[in-house]
Amino acid sequence: MEHGSELSKTVATFILQKILLDDHGLAYICYTFERFKSVTSVLQTMVDSLVREPSARLLKHVVRCYLRLTDNPRAKEALNRTLMPAQLKDGTILQMVKPEDSSTKRWIQMLQRNLSNAPKSSQPQPQQF
């Protein structure tokens, strides 16, 4: 996912999104911190590439992946602590969204709302979910 054309990144992210949208897929990815961290690391790389080379299609799938991860309470907490890209957390990524793309805007707002509702914990992050 980290290398290749915009199309190959978009297709790979779409496949990851489909895995996450399945309850078993979300559970599998969030079963251990190592799996979850691997996925979020790749997604972070996608966000970084979007800042350099904007792509509405890729952004839509990346946002949907992060949004789905917030459906898992432990993943949501980890994202809220340190693993959510600043561009998504503070909304600066919204500048890349086309005015007519209301669904992506709505998903980013839902993501921010989900993260603002996450419980704040002072305990160290577990090595395993």
N, C-alpha and C. Protein backbone atom coordinates (compact mmCIF):
# COMPACT_ATOMS: atom_id res chain seq x y z
N MET A 1 0.81 -1.19 0.00
CA MET A 1 0.00 0.00 0.00
C MET A 1 0.86 1.26 0.00
N GLU A 2 2.04 1.16 0.55
CA GLU A 2 2.87 2.35 0.69
C GLU A 2 3.51 2.78 -0.61
N HIS A 3 3.66 1.88 -1.54
CA HIS A 3 4.34 2.19 -2.79
C HIS A 3 3.39 1.94 -3.95
N GLY A 4 3.67 2.60 -5.06
CA GLY A 4 2.86 2.36 -6.23
C GLY A 4 2.10 3.60 -6.65
N SER A 5 1.29 3.41 -7.66
CA SER A 5 0.52 4.51 -8.21
C SER A 5 -0.66 4.85 -7.29
N GLU A 6 -1.29 5.97 -7.59
CA GLU A 6 -2.48 6.37 -6.82
C GLU A 6 -3.55 5.29 -6.92
N LEU A 7 -3.70 4.73 -8.11
CA LEU A 7 -4.72 3.70 -8.30
C LEU A 7 -4.43 2.46 -7.45
N SER A 8 -3.18 2.00 -7.43
CA SER A 8 -2.87 0.81 -6.63
C SER A 8 -3.04 1.08 -5.14
N LYS A 9 -2.69 2.28 -4.68
CA LYS A 9 -2.89 2.63 -3.27
C LYS A 9 -4.38 2.68 -2.95
N THR A 10 -5.16 3.23 -3.87
CA THR A 10 -6.60 3.33 -3.65
C THR A 10 -7.24 1.95 -3.59
N VAL A 11 -6.86 1.07 -4.50
CA VAL A 11 -7.41 -0.29 -4.50
C VAL A 11 -7.01 -1.03 -3.24
N ALA A 12 -5.76 -0.92 -2.82
CA ALA A 12 -5.31 -1.60 -1.60
C ALA A 12 -6.05 -1.07 -0.37
N THR A 13 -6.25 0.23 -0.31
CA THR A 13 -6.96 0.82 0.82
C THR A 13 -8.43 0.42 0.79
N PHE A 14 -9.00 0.32 -0.40
CA PHE A 14 -10.38 -0.14 -0.53
C PHE A 14 -10.52 -1.57 -0.01
N ILE A 15 -9.56 -2.42 -0.32
CA ILE A 15 -9.60 -3.81 0.18
C ILE A 15 -9.50 -3.83 1.70
N LEU A 16 -8.60 -3.02 2.26
CA LEU A 16 -8.50 -2.92 3.72
C LEU A 16 -9.82 -2.43 4.31
N GLN A 17 -10.41 -1.45 3.67
CA GLN A 17 -11.70 -0.93 4.13
C GLN A 17 -12.75 -2.04 4.16
N LYS A 18 -12.80 -2.85 3.12
CA LYS A 18 -13.79 -3.94 3.08
C LYS A 18 -13.53 -4.95 4.18
N ILE A 19 -12.26 -5.23 4.47
CA ILE A 19 -11.93 -6.15 5.57
C ILE A 19 -12.41 -5.55 6.89
N LEU A 20 -12.15 -4.27 7.09
CA LEU A 20 -12.56 -3.61 8.34
C LEU A 20 -14.07 -3.52 8.48
N LEU A 21 -14.78 -3.38 7.39
CA LEU A 21 -16.24 -3.26 7.46
C LEU A 21 -16.90 -4.56 7.91
N ASP A 22 -16.21 -5.67 7.75
CA ASP A 22 -16.70 -6.95 8.24
C ASP A 22 -16.35 -7.05 9.73
N ASP A 23 -17.31 -7.44 10.54
CA ASP A 23 -17.07 -7.52 11.99
C ASP A 23 -15.91 -8.45 12.32
N HIS A 24 -15.79 -9.56 11.62
CA HIS A 24 -14.69 -10.50 11.87
C HIS A 24 -13.35 -9.88 11.46
N GLY A 25 -13.35 -9.11 10.39
CA GLY A 25 -12.13 -8.44 9.94
C GLY A 25 -11.67 -7.40 10.95
N LEU A 26 -12.61 -6.61 11.46
CA LEU A 26 -12.27 -5.61 12.47
C LEU A 26 -11.74 -6.30 13.72
N ALA A 27 -12.40 -7.36 14.13
CA ALA A 27 -11.96 -8.09 15.33
C ALA A 27 -10.57 -8.68 15.12
N TYR A 28 -10.30 -9.22 13.93
CA TYR A 28 -8.99 -9.80 13.64
C TYR A 28 -7.90 -8.74 13.70
N ILE A 29 -8.12 -7.62 13.08
CA ILE A 29 -7.11 -6.56 13.06
C ILE A 29 -6.88 -5.98 14.46
N CYS A 30 -7.92 -5.89 15.24
CA CYS A 30 -7.82 -5.31 16.57
C CYS A 30 -7.51 -6.34 17.66
N TYR A 31 -7.32 -7.59 17.29
CA TYR A 31 -7.09 -8.64 18.28
C TYR A 31 -5.79 -8.42 19.05
N THR A 32 -4.74 -8.03 18.35
CA THR A 32 -3.48 -7.72 19.03
C THR A 32 -3.07 -6.29 18.68
N PHE A 33 -2.34 -5.70 19.59
CA PHE A 33 -1.85 -4.35 19.36
C PHE A 33 -0.91 -4.31 18.16
N GLU A 34 -0.12 -5.36 17.98
CA GLU A 34 0.83 -5.40 16.87
C GLU A 34 0.12 -5.32 15.52
N ARG A 35 -0.96 -6.08 15.35
CA ARG A 35 -1.73 -6.03 14.10
C ARG A 35 -2.33 -4.65 13.89
N PHE A 36 -2.95 -4.16 14.95
CA PHE A 36 -3.58 -2.85 14.88
C PHE A 36 -2.55 -1.78 14.54
N LYS A 37 -1.41 -1.82 15.19
CA LYS A 37 -0.35 -0.83 14.96
C LYS A 37 0.17 -0.92 13.53
N SER A 38 0.28 -2.12 12.99
CA SER A 38 0.73 -2.28 11.60
C SER A 38 -0.25 -1.60 10.64
N VAL A 39 -1.52 -1.81 10.86
CA VAL A 39 -2.54 -1.21 9.99
C VAL A 39 -2.53 0.30 10.11
N THR A 40 -2.49 0.81 11.34
CA THR A 40 -2.50 2.26 11.51
C THR A 40 -1.22 2.90 10.99
N SER A 41 -0.13 2.18 11.05
CA SER A 41 1.13 2.71 10.50
C SER A 41 1.03 2.89 8.99
N VAL A 42 0.45 1.91 8.32
CA VAL A 42 0.27 2.01 6.87
C VAL A 42 -0.72 3.11 6.53
N LEU A 43 -1.80 3.21 7.31
CA LEU A 43 -2.77 4.27 7.07
C LEU A 43 -2.14 5.65 7.29
N GLN A 44 -1.27 5.77 8.29
CA GLN A 44 -0.56 7.03 8.53
C GLN A 44 0.30 7.39 7.31
N THR A 45 0.93 6.40 6.72
CA THR A 45 1.73 6.62 5.52
C THR A 45 0.84 7.12 4.38
N MET A 46 -0.36 6.57 4.29
CA MET A 46 -1.29 7.02 3.26
C MET A 46 -1.68 8.49 3.48
N VAL A 47 -1.92 8.86 4.74
CA VAL A 47 -2.27 10.25 5.05
C VAL A 47 -1.10 11.16 4.68
N ASP A 48 0.11 10.74 5.02
CA ASP A 48 1.29 11.54 4.67
C ASP A 48 1.41 11.72 3.16
N SER A 49 1.13 10.65 2.41
CA SER A 49 1.21 10.76 0.95
C SER A 49 0.09 11.65 0.41
N LEU A 50 -1.06 11.66 1.08
CA LEU A 50 -2.16 12.52 0.65
C LEU A 50 -1.83 14.00 0.84
N VAL A 51 -1.05 14.29 1.86
CA VAL A 51 -0.65 15.68 2.08
C VAL A 51 0.26 16.14 0.93
N ARG A 52 1.13 15.24 0.49
CA ARG A 52 2.05 15.57 -0.62
C ARG A 52 1.33 15.56 -1.96
N GLU A 53 0.50 14.54 -2.18
CA GLU A 53 -0.20 14.37 -3.45
C GLU A 53 -1.68 14.07 -3.17
N PRO A 54 -2.50 15.10 -3.09
CA PRO A 54 -3.93 14.89 -2.76
C PRO A 54 -4.66 13.99 -3.76
N SER A 55 -5.53 13.16 -3.23
CA SER A 55 -6.37 12.27 -4.03
C SER A 55 -7.69 12.09 -3.29
N ALA A 56 -8.75 12.58 -3.87
CA ALA A 56 -10.07 12.50 -3.23
C ALA A 56 -10.49 11.04 -3.03
N ARG A 57 -10.23 10.20 -4.03
CA ARG A 57 -10.64 8.78 -3.92
C ARG A 57 -9.90 8.09 -2.79
N LEU A 58 -8.59 8.28 -2.71
CA LEU A 58 -7.80 7.64 -1.67
C LEU A 58 -8.19 8.17 -0.29
N LEU A 59 -8.38 9.47 -0.19
CA LEU A 59 -8.78 10.08 1.08
C LEU A 59 -10.07 9.47 1.60
N LYS A 60 -11.03 9.29 0.73
CA LYS A 60 -12.33 8.73 1.12
C LYS A 60 -12.15 7.36 1.78
N HIS A 61 -11.33 6.50 1.19
CA HIS A 61 -11.13 5.15 1.74
C HIS A 61 -10.32 5.17 3.03
N VAL A 62 -9.32 6.05 3.11
CA VAL A 62 -8.52 6.15 4.33
C VAL A 62 -9.41 6.61 5.49
N VAL A 63 -10.23 7.61 5.26
CA VAL A 63 -11.12 8.11 6.30
C VAL A 63 -12.09 7.02 6.75
N ARG A 64 -12.63 6.27 5.81
CA ARG A 64 -13.56 5.18 6.15
C ARG A 64 -12.86 4.11 6.99
N CYS A 65 -11.59 3.83 6.71
CA CYS A 65 -10.84 2.86 7.50
C CYS A 65 -10.69 3.34 8.94
N TYR A 66 -10.25 4.58 9.11
CA TYR A 66 -10.12 5.13 10.46
C TYR A 66 -11.46 5.19 11.18
N LEU A 67 -12.49 5.58 10.47
CA LEU A 67 -13.82 5.65 11.08
C LEU A 67 -14.25 4.28 11.58
N ARG A 68 -14.03 3.25 10.79
CA ARG A 68 -14.41 1.91 11.19
C ARG A 68 -13.59 1.44 12.39
N LEU A 69 -12.31 1.79 12.44
CA LEU A 69 -11.49 1.41 13.58
C LEU A 69 -12.03 1.99 14.88
N THR A 70 -12.68 3.15 14.81
CA THR A 70 -13.23 3.74 16.04
C THR A 70 -14.44 2.97 16.57
N ASP A 71 -14.93 2.00 15.82
CA ASP A 71 -16.01 1.15 16.32
C ASP A 71 -15.52 0.15 17.36
N ASN A 72 -14.21 -0.05 17.41
CA ASN A 72 -13.63 -0.93 18.42
C ASN A 72 -13.15 -0.04 19.57
N PRO A 73 -13.65 -0.26 20.79
CA PRO A 73 -13.31 0.64 21.91
C PRO A 73 -11.82 0.76 22.20
N ARG A 74 -11.09 -0.35 22.15
CA ARG A 74 -9.65 -0.29 22.44
C ARG A 74 -8.90 0.41 21.32
N ALA A 75 -9.32 0.17 20.08
CA ALA A 75 -8.69 0.85 18.95
C ALA A 75 -8.99 2.35 19.02
N LYS A 76 -10.21 2.67 19.37
CA LYS A 76 -10.62 4.07 19.49
C LYS A 76 -9.76 4.79 20.53
N GLU A 77 -9.54 4.14 21.65
CA GLU A 77 -8.72 4.73 22.70
C GLU A 77 -7.28 4.92 22.24
N ALA A 78 -6.72 3.93 21.57
CA ALA A 78 -5.35 4.03 21.08
C ALA A 78 -5.22 5.12 20.02
N LEU A 79 -6.21 5.21 19.13
CA LEU A 79 -6.20 6.26 18.12
C LEU A 79 -6.27 7.63 18.78
N ASN A 80 -7.10 7.74 19.78
CA ASN A 80 -7.29 9.02 20.45
C ASN A 80 -6.03 9.44 21.21
N ARG A 81 -5.29 8.49 21.72
CA ARG A 81 -4.08 8.81 22.48
C ARG A 81 -2.98 9.33 21.57
N THR A 82 -2.56 8.49 20.62
CA THR A 82 -1.37 8.86 19.85
C THR A 82 -1.38 8.43 18.39
N LEU A 83 -2.23 7.52 18.01
CA LEU A 83 -2.09 6.91 16.69
C LEU A 83 -2.91 7.55 15.59
N MET A 84 -3.68 8.57 15.89
CA MET A 84 -4.47 9.24 14.87
C MET A 84 -3.63 10.36 14.25
N PRO A 85 -3.53 10.37 12.93
CA PRO A 85 -2.77 11.45 12.29
C PRO A 85 -3.35 12.82 12.65
N ALA A 86 -2.48 13.76 12.92
CA ALA A 86 -2.91 15.10 13.32
C ALA A 86 -3.81 15.73 12.26
N GLN A 87 -3.53 15.47 10.99
CA GLN A 87 -4.32 16.06 9.91
C GLN A 87 -5.78 15.65 9.98
N LEU A 88 -6.05 14.45 10.46
CA LEU A 88 -7.43 13.99 10.61
C LEU A 88 -8.03 14.46 11.93
N LYS A 89 -7.22 14.46 12.95
CA LYS A 89 -7.70 14.83 14.28
C LYS A 89 -8.10 16.30 14.35
N ASP A 90 -7.28 17.16 13.76
CA ASP A 90 -7.56 18.60 13.86
C ASP A 90 -8.38 19.14 12.69
N GLY A 91 -8.66 18.29 11.72
CA GLY A 91 -9.54 18.70 10.62
C GLY A 91 -8.85 19.39 9.46
N THR A 92 -7.52 19.52 9.49
CA THR A 92 -6.85 20.19 8.37
C THR A 92 -7.01 19.42 7.07
N ILE A 93 -7.27 18.15 7.17
CA ILE A 93 -7.46 17.33 5.97
C ILE A 93 -8.74 17.74 5.22
N LEU A 94 -9.64 18.41 5.92
CA LEU A 94 -10.89 18.87 5.28
C LEU A 94 -10.62 19.81 4.12
N GLN A 95 -9.48 20.48 4.14
CA GLN A 95 -9.12 21.40 3.05
C GLN A 95 -8.94 20.65 1.73
N MET A 96 -8.65 19.35 1.82
CA MET A 96 -8.44 18.55 0.62
C MET A 96 -9.74 18.01 0.04
N VAL A 97 -10.82 18.08 0.79
CA VAL A 97 -12.09 17.53 0.36
C VAL A 97 -12.77 18.51 -0.59
N LYS A 98 -13.22 17.98 -1.70
CA LYS A 98 -13.92 18.82 -2.67
C LYS A 98 -15.25 19.29 -2.09
N PRO A 99 -15.67 20.51 -2.43
CA PRO A 99 -16.92 21.06 -1.85
C PRO A 99 -18.14 20.16 -2.07
N GLU A 100 -18.19 19.47 -3.21
CA GLU A 100 -19.35 18.63 -3.50
C GLU A 100 -19.29 17.26 -2.84
N ASP A 101 -18.18 16.94 -2.17
CA ASP A 101 -18.01 15.62 -1.56
C ASP A 101 -18.51 15.64 -0.11
N SER A 102 -19.82 15.69 0.04
CA SER A 102 -20.41 15.80 1.37
C SER A 102 -20.22 14.53 2.20
N SER A 103 -20.14 13.38 1.56
CA SER A 103 -20.01 12.14 2.34
C SER A 103 -18.64 12.07 3.04
N THR A 104 -17.57 12.44 2.35
CA THR A 104 -16.26 12.42 3.00
C THR A 104 -16.20 13.45 4.12
N LYS A 105 -16.76 14.62 3.90
CA LYS A 105 -16.80 15.63 4.97
C LYS A 105 -17.54 15.09 6.18
N ARG A 106 -18.66 14.44 5.94
CA ARG A 106 -19.47 13.88 7.03
C ARG A 106 -18.68 12.80 7.78
N TRP A 107 -17.97 11.94 7.04
CA TRP A 107 -17.18 10.89 7.69
C TRP A 107 -16.05 11.46 8.54
N ILE A 108 -15.41 12.52 8.06
CA ILE A 108 -14.35 13.16 8.85
C ILE A 108 -14.94 13.75 10.12
N GLN A 109 -16.08 14.39 10.01
CA GLN A 109 -16.74 14.95 11.19
C GLN A 109 -17.17 13.86 12.16
N MET A 110 -17.66 12.74 11.63
CA MET A 110 -18.03 11.61 12.50
C MET A 110 -16.79 11.06 13.21
N LEU A 111 -15.68 10.96 12.48
CA LEU A 111 -14.43 10.48 13.05
C LEU A 111 -13.99 11.39 14.19
N GLN A 112 -14.02 12.69 13.96
CA GLN A 112 -13.63 13.64 15.01
C GLN A 112 -14.57 13.55 16.21
N ARG A 113 -15.86 13.39 15.95
CA ARG A 113 -16.83 13.26 17.03
C ARG A 113 -16.59 11.97 17.82
N ASN A 114 -16.34 10.87 17.11
CA ASN A 114 -16.06 9.61 17.80
C ASN A 114 -14.83 9.73 18.69
N LEU A 115 -13.81 10.41 18.19
CA LEU A 115 -12.58 10.55 18.98
C LEU A 115 -12.78 11.50 20.16
N SER A 116 -13.61 12.51 20.00
CA SER A 116 -13.84 13.43 21.11
C SER A 116 -14.67 12.77 22.21
N ASN A 117 -15.39 11.70 21.86
CA ASN A 117 -16.19 10.96 22.84
C ASN A 117 -15.42 9.81 23.46
N ALA A 118 -14.17 9.62 23.07
CA ALA A 118 -13.37 8.50 23.59
C ALA A 118 -13.00 8.78 25.04
N PRO A 119 -13.06 7.75 25.89
CA PRO A 119 -12.66 7.95 27.28
C PRO A 119 -11.16 8.22 27.36
N LYS A 120 -10.79 9.16 28.19
CA LYS A 120 -9.38 9.48 28.39
C LYS A 120 -8.86 8.62 29.53
N SER A 121 -7.77 7.92 29.26
CA SER A 121 -7.21 7.05 30.27
C SER A 121 -5.76 7.45 30.50
N SER A 122 -5.32 7.40 31.75
CA SER A 122 -3.94 7.74 32.06
C SER A 122 -3.07 6.50 32.17
N GLN A 123 -3.66 5.33 31.96
CA GLN A 123 -2.91 4.10 32.04
C GLN A 123 -2.04 3.93 30.81
N PRO A 124 -0.89 3.25 30.94
CA PRO A 124 -0.06 3.02 29.77
C PRO A 124 -0.79 2.15 28.75
N GLN A 125 -0.44 2.33 27.50
CA GLN A 125 -1.09 1.59 26.41
C GLN A 125 -0.71 0.12 26.49
N PRO A 126 -1.66 -0.79 26.44
CA PRO A 126 -1.36 -2.21 26.53
C PRO A 126 -0.63 -2.71 25.29
N GLN A 127 0.19 -3.73 25.47
CA GLN A 127 0.87 -4.34 24.33
C GLN A 127 -0.07 -5.22 23.54
N GLN A 128 -1.11 -5.69 24.20
CA GLN A 128 -2.10 -6.50 23.50
C GLN A 128 -3.48 -5.98 23.84
N PHE A 129 -4.33 -5.93 22.82
CA PHE A 129 -5.69 -5.45 23.04
C PHE A 129 -6.48 -6.45 23.83
